[in-house]
Each structure stands twice: as structure tokens, then as C-alpha cells.
Amino acid sequence: MSLAFRLLLIVGAFAAFYVMIRNIRKSRLQVGDSVFWTLFAILLVLLAVIPEIADFFGHIFGILSTVNLVYLVIITILIYRVFSLTLRISEMDGKLKELARKIALEEADKRNSEKH
């Protein structure tokens, strides 16, 4: 892994960490979600500081270029994150529909009781 790529990983990790902290302070990111991004940034720093980790796993999985393994790991983790967020959105969408139904029924009952 080239020095430039390693530096890019480190700078990217610290930039992600900075943006995450800033968004937590502005209450736009929940602390629970920040755990994922913190671990992701730590992983990037580890892969940059100790490239032998990527070399080791690259040889195990038969990946010739260490950089390709790093990209594969990053893409896999981000796809997992997108999937888990999709599940959360679907769950919240269901809860929102149920809440809207309850509110509509309560308002209909209130209107009916006011008429009688």
C-alpha cells in the first residue's frame, strides 16, 4: 500500500471523525449512530498505520492488491450500513403510518362526539 494512500486513509478517517463530532454537538447525529462511524474511522486508521493487516487478509482471501482489499472492506461495511438504515427506515415508516391512523381515528371520534 503506497504512502499516499495510507495518508489519504488517515486524513479521511480524521475528517469523518471531525464531521461526526460536529454533528453530534449540533444534535443532528445520535450518539448511538456515532459508534458505527467511530469504529469505521478507527478501522481506516488501523489499515493505514498497520498495512500488514490488509496484506495478511489479502493473502488469505487471494486478493493480489492490498488496496483492492481495503476498498472491498470499505464497500462491504458501507453496504451493510445502508441495509441496516433501510431496515430502520422501514420500521419507522410503519410506526408513522400507525400513528397517523390513530390520530385520524381520534380526530374523527372527537368530531363525532362534538356533533352529538
Protein backbone atom coordinates (compact mmCIF):
# COMPACT_ATOMS: atom_id res chain seq x y z
CA MET A 1 0.00 0.00 0.00
CA SER A 2 1.50 3.33 -1.02
CA LEU A 3 2.31 6.06 1.45
CA ALA A 4 -0.06 8.45 -0.34
CA PHE A 5 -2.97 6.01 0.02
CA ARG A 6 -2.13 5.43 3.68
CA LEU A 7 -2.10 9.18 4.31
CA LEU A 8 -5.40 9.50 2.45
CA LEU A 9 -6.95 6.87 4.74
CA ILE A 10 -5.72 8.68 7.85
CA VAL A 11 -6.88 12.10 6.65
CA GLY A 12 -10.25 10.64 5.62
CA ALA A 13 -10.68 8.96 8.99
CA PHE A 14 -9.92 12.13 10.92
CA ALA A 15 -12.17 14.18 8.63
CA ALA A 16 -15.01 11.71 9.20
CA PHE A 17 -14.40 11.83 12.95
CA TYR A 18 -14.42 15.65 12.94
CA VAL A 19 -17.67 15.82 10.95
CA MET A 20 -19.23 13.23 13.26
CA ILE A 21 -18.30 15.17 16.43
CA ARG A 22 -19.58 18.41 14.89
CA ASN A 23 -22.91 16.81 14.02
CA ILE A 24 -23.27 15.29 17.49
CA ARG A 25 -22.75 18.73 19.03
CA LYS A 26 -25.40 20.20 16.72
CA SER A 27 -27.76 17.34 17.70
CA ARG A 28 -28.02 16.11 14.12
CA LEU A 29 -26.41 12.74 14.85
CA GLN A 30 -27.36 10.44 17.68
CA VAL A 31 -24.58 9.20 19.89
CA GLY A 32 -25.58 5.59 19.16
CA ASP A 33 -25.06 6.09 15.43
CA SER A 34 -21.72 7.72 16.07
CA VAL A 35 -20.37 4.44 17.44
CA PHE A 36 -20.51 2.95 13.94
CA TRP A 37 -18.66 5.91 12.42
CA THR A 38 -16.08 5.93 15.21
CA LEU A 39 -15.32 2.24 14.67
CA PHE A 40 -15.20 2.82 10.91
CA ALA A 41 -12.68 5.67 11.35
CA ILE A 42 -10.58 3.53 13.72
CA LEU A 43 -10.56 0.73 11.14
CA LEU A 44 -9.33 3.11 8.45
CA VAL A 45 -6.56 4.39 10.71
CA LEU A 46 -5.56 0.82 11.64
CA LEU A 47 -5.37 -0.20 7.99
CA ALA A 48 -3.29 2.88 7.21
CA VAL A 49 -0.92 2.61 10.17
CA ILE A 50 -0.53 -1.18 10.04
CA PRO A 51 -0.84 -2.14 6.35
CA GLU A 52 0.33 -5.65 7.22
CA ILE A 53 -3.23 -6.34 8.41
CA ALA A 54 -4.56 -5.78 4.91
CA ASP A 55 -1.64 -7.71 3.40
CA PHE A 56 -2.34 -10.68 5.68
CA PHE A 57 -6.05 -10.85 4.88
CA GLY A 58 -5.36 -10.16 1.22
CA HIS A 59 -3.17 -13.25 1.02
CA ILE A 60 -5.74 -15.34 2.90
CA PHE A 61 -8.55 -14.38 0.50
CA GLY A 62 -6.36 -14.44 -2.60
CA ILE A 63 -6.60 -10.71 -3.31
CA LEU A 64 -3.45 -9.61 -5.07
CA SER A 65 -3.65 -5.88 -4.37
CA THR A 66 -3.91 -4.69 -0.80
CA VAL A 67 -5.71 -1.56 -1.94
CA ASN A 68 -8.44 -3.71 -3.51
CA LEU A 69 -8.95 -5.44 -0.17
CA VAL A 70 -9.25 -2.09 1.60
CA TYR A 71 -11.82 -0.92 -0.94
CA LEU A 72 -13.69 -4.22 -0.62
CA VAL A 73 -13.82 -3.90 3.18
CA ILE A 74 -14.98 -0.27 3.00
CA ILE A 75 -17.66 -1.03 0.40
CA THR A 76 -18.89 -4.09 2.31
CA ILE A 77 -19.17 -2.18 5.58
CA LEU A 78 -20.99 0.71 3.91
CA ILE A 79 -23.41 -1.64 2.12
CA TYR A 80 -24.17 -3.28 5.46
CA ARG A 81 -24.78 0.15 6.98
CA VAL A 82 -27.12 1.17 4.16
CA PHE A 83 -29.07 -2.06 4.60
CA SER A 84 -29.40 -1.59 8.36
CA LEU A 85 -30.56 2.00 7.86
CA THR A 86 -33.09 0.80 5.27
CA LEU A 87 -34.49 -1.59 7.87
CA ARG A 88 -34.72 1.23 10.40
CA ILE A 89 -36.48 3.49 7.90
CA SER A 90 -38.97 0.76 7.02
CA GLU A 91 -39.71 0.17 10.69
CA MET A 92 -40.17 3.89 11.34
CA ASP A 93 -42.36 4.23 8.25
CA GLY A 94 -44.65 1.53 9.63
CA LYS A 95 -44.78 3.26 13.01
CA LEU A 96 -45.52 6.60 11.34
CA LYS A 97 -48.42 5.12 9.35
CA GLU A 98 -49.84 3.53 12.50
CA LEU A 99 -49.53 6.82 14.39
CA ALA A 100 -51.24 8.71 11.56
CA ARG A 101 -54.11 6.19 11.63
CA LYS A 102 -54.51 6.58 15.40
CA ILE A 103 -54.53 10.37 15.16
CA ALA A 104 -57.07 10.27 12.32
CA LEU A 105 -59.35 7.97 14.33
CA GLU A 106 -59.05 10.16 17.44
CA GLU A 107 -59.90 13.27 15.43
CA ALA A 108 -62.87 11.51 13.82
CA ASP A 109 -64.11 10.41 17.26
CA LYS A 110 -63.68 13.94 18.59
CA ARG A 111 -65.68 15.40 15.67
CA ASN A 112 -68.42 12.79 16.12
CA SER A 113 -68.68 13.48 19.85
CA GLU A 114 -68.86 17.25 19.24
CA LYS A 115 -71.75 16.77 16.78
CA HIS A 116 -73.79 14.75 19.28
